[in-house]
Amino acid sequence: MPQDTKARELDRLEALSDEAFRLELRDWIEANYPPGMVRYPSRRLFWRENREWFMRLSAKGWIGAELAT
């Protein structure tokens, strides 16, 4: 996602009420969570087991490292 698109999406999300954000997040997770992926694994998953989910989160712009300043 281009940086300006990410900034606009962040602005849009920040403008939502808490409830509207929760609803949007729930809807997105329901539509994008891989159907074969365990929801509450009893162990840490290997990359091959959760790659698809991380790639979907990344494509949405909802995952990434941020360093404290």
N, C-alpha and C. Protein backbone atom coordinates (compact mmCIF):
# COMPACT_ATOMS: atom_id res chain seq x y z
N MET A 1 0.86 -1.17 0.00
CA MET A 1 0.00 0.00 0.00
C MET A 1 0.91 1.24 0.00
N PRO A 2 0.73 2.14 -0.97
CA PRO A 2 1.56 3.35 -1.00
C PRO A 2 1.41 4.19 0.27
N GLN A 3 2.45 4.92 0.60
CA GLN A 3 2.48 5.68 1.85
C GLN A 3 1.32 6.66 1.97
N ASP A 4 0.98 7.39 0.88
CA ASP A 4 -0.12 8.35 0.96
C ASP A 4 -1.46 7.65 1.17
N THR A 5 -1.60 6.45 0.61
CA THR A 5 -2.82 5.67 0.82
C THR A 5 -2.90 5.22 2.28
N LYS A 6 -1.77 4.81 2.84
CA LYS A 6 -1.73 4.40 4.25
C LYS A 6 -2.12 5.57 5.15
N ALA A 7 -1.60 6.75 4.84
CA ALA A 7 -1.90 7.92 5.66
C ALA A 7 -3.39 8.26 5.60
N ARG A 8 -3.98 8.18 4.42
CA ARG A 8 -5.42 8.46 4.29
C ARG A 8 -6.24 7.42 5.04
N GLU A 9 -5.83 6.16 4.96
CA GLU A 9 -6.55 5.10 5.67
C GLU A 9 -6.44 5.31 7.17
N LEU A 10 -5.26 5.68 7.65
CA LEU A 10 -5.08 5.94 9.08
C LEU A 10 -5.95 7.10 9.53
N ASP A 11 -5.98 8.16 8.75
CA ASP A 11 -6.85 9.31 9.08
C ASP A 11 -8.31 8.88 9.14
N ARG A 12 -8.72 8.05 8.18
CA ARG A 12 -10.11 7.58 8.15
C ARG A 12 -10.43 6.75 9.39
N LEU A 13 -9.52 5.84 9.74
CA LEU A 13 -9.74 4.99 10.91
C LEU A 13 -9.76 5.81 12.20
N GLU A 14 -8.89 6.80 12.30
CA GLU A 14 -8.85 7.63 13.51
C GLU A 14 -10.11 8.47 13.67
N ALA A 15 -10.79 8.75 12.57
CA ALA A 15 -12.02 9.55 12.63
C ALA A 15 -13.23 8.73 13.08
N LEU A 16 -13.10 7.41 13.05
CA LEU A 16 -14.22 6.55 13.45
C LEU A 16 -14.41 6.57 14.96
N SER A 17 -15.64 6.38 15.39
CA SER A 17 -15.89 6.18 16.82
C SER A 17 -15.31 4.82 17.20
N ASP A 18 -15.11 4.59 18.48
CA ASP A 18 -14.58 3.29 18.93
C ASP A 18 -15.47 2.15 18.45
N GLU A 19 -16.78 2.32 18.58
CA GLU A 19 -17.71 1.26 18.18
C GLU A 19 -17.66 1.01 16.68
N ALA A 20 -17.60 2.06 15.89
CA ALA A 20 -17.52 1.91 14.43
C ALA A 20 -16.22 1.21 14.04
N PHE A 21 -15.12 1.55 14.73
CA PHE A 21 -13.85 0.88 14.45
C PHE A 21 -13.93 -0.60 14.79
N ARG A 22 -14.50 -0.92 15.96
CA ARG A 22 -14.64 -2.33 16.36
C ARG A 22 -15.45 -3.11 15.34
N LEU A 23 -16.54 -2.53 14.87
CA LEU A 23 -17.38 -3.21 13.88
C LEU A 23 -16.63 -3.42 12.57
N GLU A 24 -15.92 -2.40 12.12
CA GLU A 24 -15.16 -2.54 10.88
C GLU A 24 -14.08 -3.60 11.03
N LEU A 25 -13.40 -3.59 12.15
CA LEU A 25 -12.35 -4.57 12.40
C LEU A 25 -12.93 -5.99 12.44
N ARG A 26 -14.02 -6.17 13.15
CA ARG A 26 -14.66 -7.50 13.21
C ARG A 26 -15.06 -7.98 11.82
N ASP A 27 -15.67 -7.10 11.04
CA ASP A 27 -16.09 -7.47 9.69
C ASP A 27 -14.90 -7.85 8.83
N TRP A 28 -13.81 -7.08 8.94
CA TRP A 28 -12.63 -7.37 8.13
C TRP A 28 -12.01 -8.70 8.54
N ILE A 29 -11.91 -8.94 9.84
CA ILE A 29 -11.34 -10.21 10.31
C ILE A 29 -12.20 -11.38 9.85
N GLU A 30 -13.51 -11.24 9.98
CA GLU A 30 -14.41 -12.31 9.55
C GLU A 30 -14.24 -12.61 8.07
N ALA A 31 -14.04 -11.59 7.27
CA ALA A 31 -13.90 -11.77 5.82
C ALA A 31 -12.51 -12.24 5.41
N ASN A 32 -11.49 -12.00 6.23
CA ASN A 32 -10.12 -12.25 5.81
C ASN A 32 -9.35 -13.31 6.60
N TYR A 33 -9.87 -13.73 7.75
CA TYR A 33 -9.14 -14.74 8.53
C TYR A 33 -9.15 -16.05 7.77
N PRO A 34 -7.99 -16.64 7.52
CA PRO A 34 -7.94 -17.88 6.74
C PRO A 34 -8.79 -18.98 7.39
N PRO A 35 -9.69 -19.59 6.61
CA PRO A 35 -10.63 -20.56 7.18
C PRO A 35 -9.96 -21.77 7.83
N GLY A 36 -8.81 -22.20 7.35
CA GLY A 36 -8.17 -23.38 7.92
C GLY A 36 -7.24 -23.09 9.08
N MET A 37 -7.09 -21.82 9.43
CA MET A 37 -6.15 -21.45 10.48
C MET A 37 -6.82 -21.55 11.85
N VAL A 38 -6.12 -22.18 12.79
CA VAL A 38 -6.64 -22.35 14.14
C VAL A 38 -6.76 -20.98 14.81
N ARG A 39 -7.89 -20.73 15.45
CA ARG A 39 -8.10 -19.41 16.08
C ARG A 39 -7.35 -19.26 17.40
N TYR A 40 -7.29 -20.28 18.19
CA TYR A 40 -6.62 -20.19 19.48
C TYR A 40 -5.61 -21.34 19.59
N PRO A 41 -4.47 -21.21 18.91
CA PRO A 41 -3.50 -22.31 18.95
C PRO A 41 -2.92 -22.49 20.35
N SER A 42 -2.60 -23.72 20.67
CA SER A 42 -2.04 -24.03 21.99
C SER A 42 -0.52 -23.85 22.00
N ARG A 43 0.03 -23.47 20.87
CA ARG A 43 1.48 -23.24 20.76
C ARG A 43 1.71 -22.12 19.76
N ARG A 44 2.91 -21.61 19.74
CA ARG A 44 3.27 -20.58 18.76
C ARG A 44 3.32 -21.22 17.38
N LEU A 45 2.68 -20.58 16.41
CA LEU A 45 2.63 -21.13 15.06
C LEU A 45 3.92 -20.87 14.29
N PHE A 46 4.24 -21.79 13.40
CA PHE A 46 5.37 -21.61 12.50
C PHE A 46 4.95 -20.66 11.39
N TRP A 47 5.95 -20.04 10.73
CA TRP A 47 5.67 -19.09 9.65
C TRP A 47 4.77 -19.71 8.58
N ARG A 48 5.05 -20.93 8.19
CA ARG A 48 4.25 -21.57 7.13
C ARG A 48 2.78 -21.72 7.55
N GLU A 49 2.52 -21.72 8.85
CA GLU A 49 1.15 -21.88 9.34
C GLU A 49 0.39 -20.56 9.44
N ASN A 50 1.10 -19.46 9.57
CA ASN A 50 0.39 -18.18 9.71
C ASN A 50 0.79 -17.14 8.67
N ARG A 51 1.55 -17.56 7.67
CA ARG A 51 2.01 -16.63 6.63
C ARG A 51 0.84 -15.95 5.93
N GLU A 52 -0.15 -16.72 5.53
CA GLU A 52 -1.29 -16.15 4.80
C GLU A 52 -1.96 -15.03 5.61
N TRP A 53 -2.16 -15.25 6.89
CA TRP A 53 -2.79 -14.25 7.76
C TRP A 53 -1.93 -12.99 7.85
N PHE A 54 -0.62 -13.18 8.08
CA PHE A 54 0.27 -12.03 8.17
C PHE A 54 0.32 -11.25 6.86
N MET A 55 0.27 -11.94 5.74
CA MET A 55 0.28 -11.26 4.45
C MET A 55 -1.00 -10.45 4.24
N ARG A 56 -2.12 -10.96 4.69
CA ARG A 56 -3.38 -10.22 4.58
C ARG A 56 -3.35 -8.98 5.48
N LEU A 57 -2.85 -9.14 6.71
CA LEU A 57 -2.71 -7.99 7.61
C LEU A 57 -1.77 -6.95 7.01
N SER A 58 -0.68 -7.41 6.44
CA SER A 58 0.29 -6.50 5.84
C SER A 58 -0.31 -5.76 4.65
N ALA A 59 -1.03 -6.46 3.80
CA ALA A 59 -1.66 -5.83 2.63
C ALA A 59 -2.65 -4.75 3.06
N LYS A 60 -3.29 -4.95 4.18
CA LYS A 60 -4.24 -3.97 4.71
C LYS A 60 -3.52 -2.79 5.36
N GLY A 61 -2.23 -3.00 5.67
CA GLY A 61 -1.46 -1.95 6.34
C GLY A 61 -1.58 -2.00 7.85
N TRP A 62 -2.00 -3.16 8.37
CA TRP A 62 -2.24 -3.29 9.79
C TRP A 62 -1.17 -4.09 10.52
N ILE A 63 -0.01 -4.19 9.93
CA ILE A 63 1.08 -4.90 10.61
C ILE A 63 2.39 -4.24 10.21
N GLY A 64 3.28 -4.17 11.13
CA GLY A 64 4.58 -3.58 10.83
C GLY A 64 5.28 -3.21 12.12
N ALA A 65 6.56 -3.05 12.01
CA ALA A 65 7.36 -2.68 13.18
C ALA A 65 7.40 -1.17 13.30
N GLU A 66 7.31 -0.70 14.51
CA GLU A 66 7.46 0.73 14.79
C GLU A 66 8.43 0.85 15.95
N LEU A 67 9.45 1.62 15.74
CA LEU A 67 10.46 1.79 16.77
C LEU A 67 10.14 3.00 17.62
N ALA A 68 10.35 2.86 18.90
CA ALA A 68 10.13 4.00 19.81
C ALA A 68 11.17 5.08 19.52
N THR A 69 10.75 6.31 19.68
CA THR A 69 11.70 7.42 19.44
C THR A 69 12.01 8.13 20.73
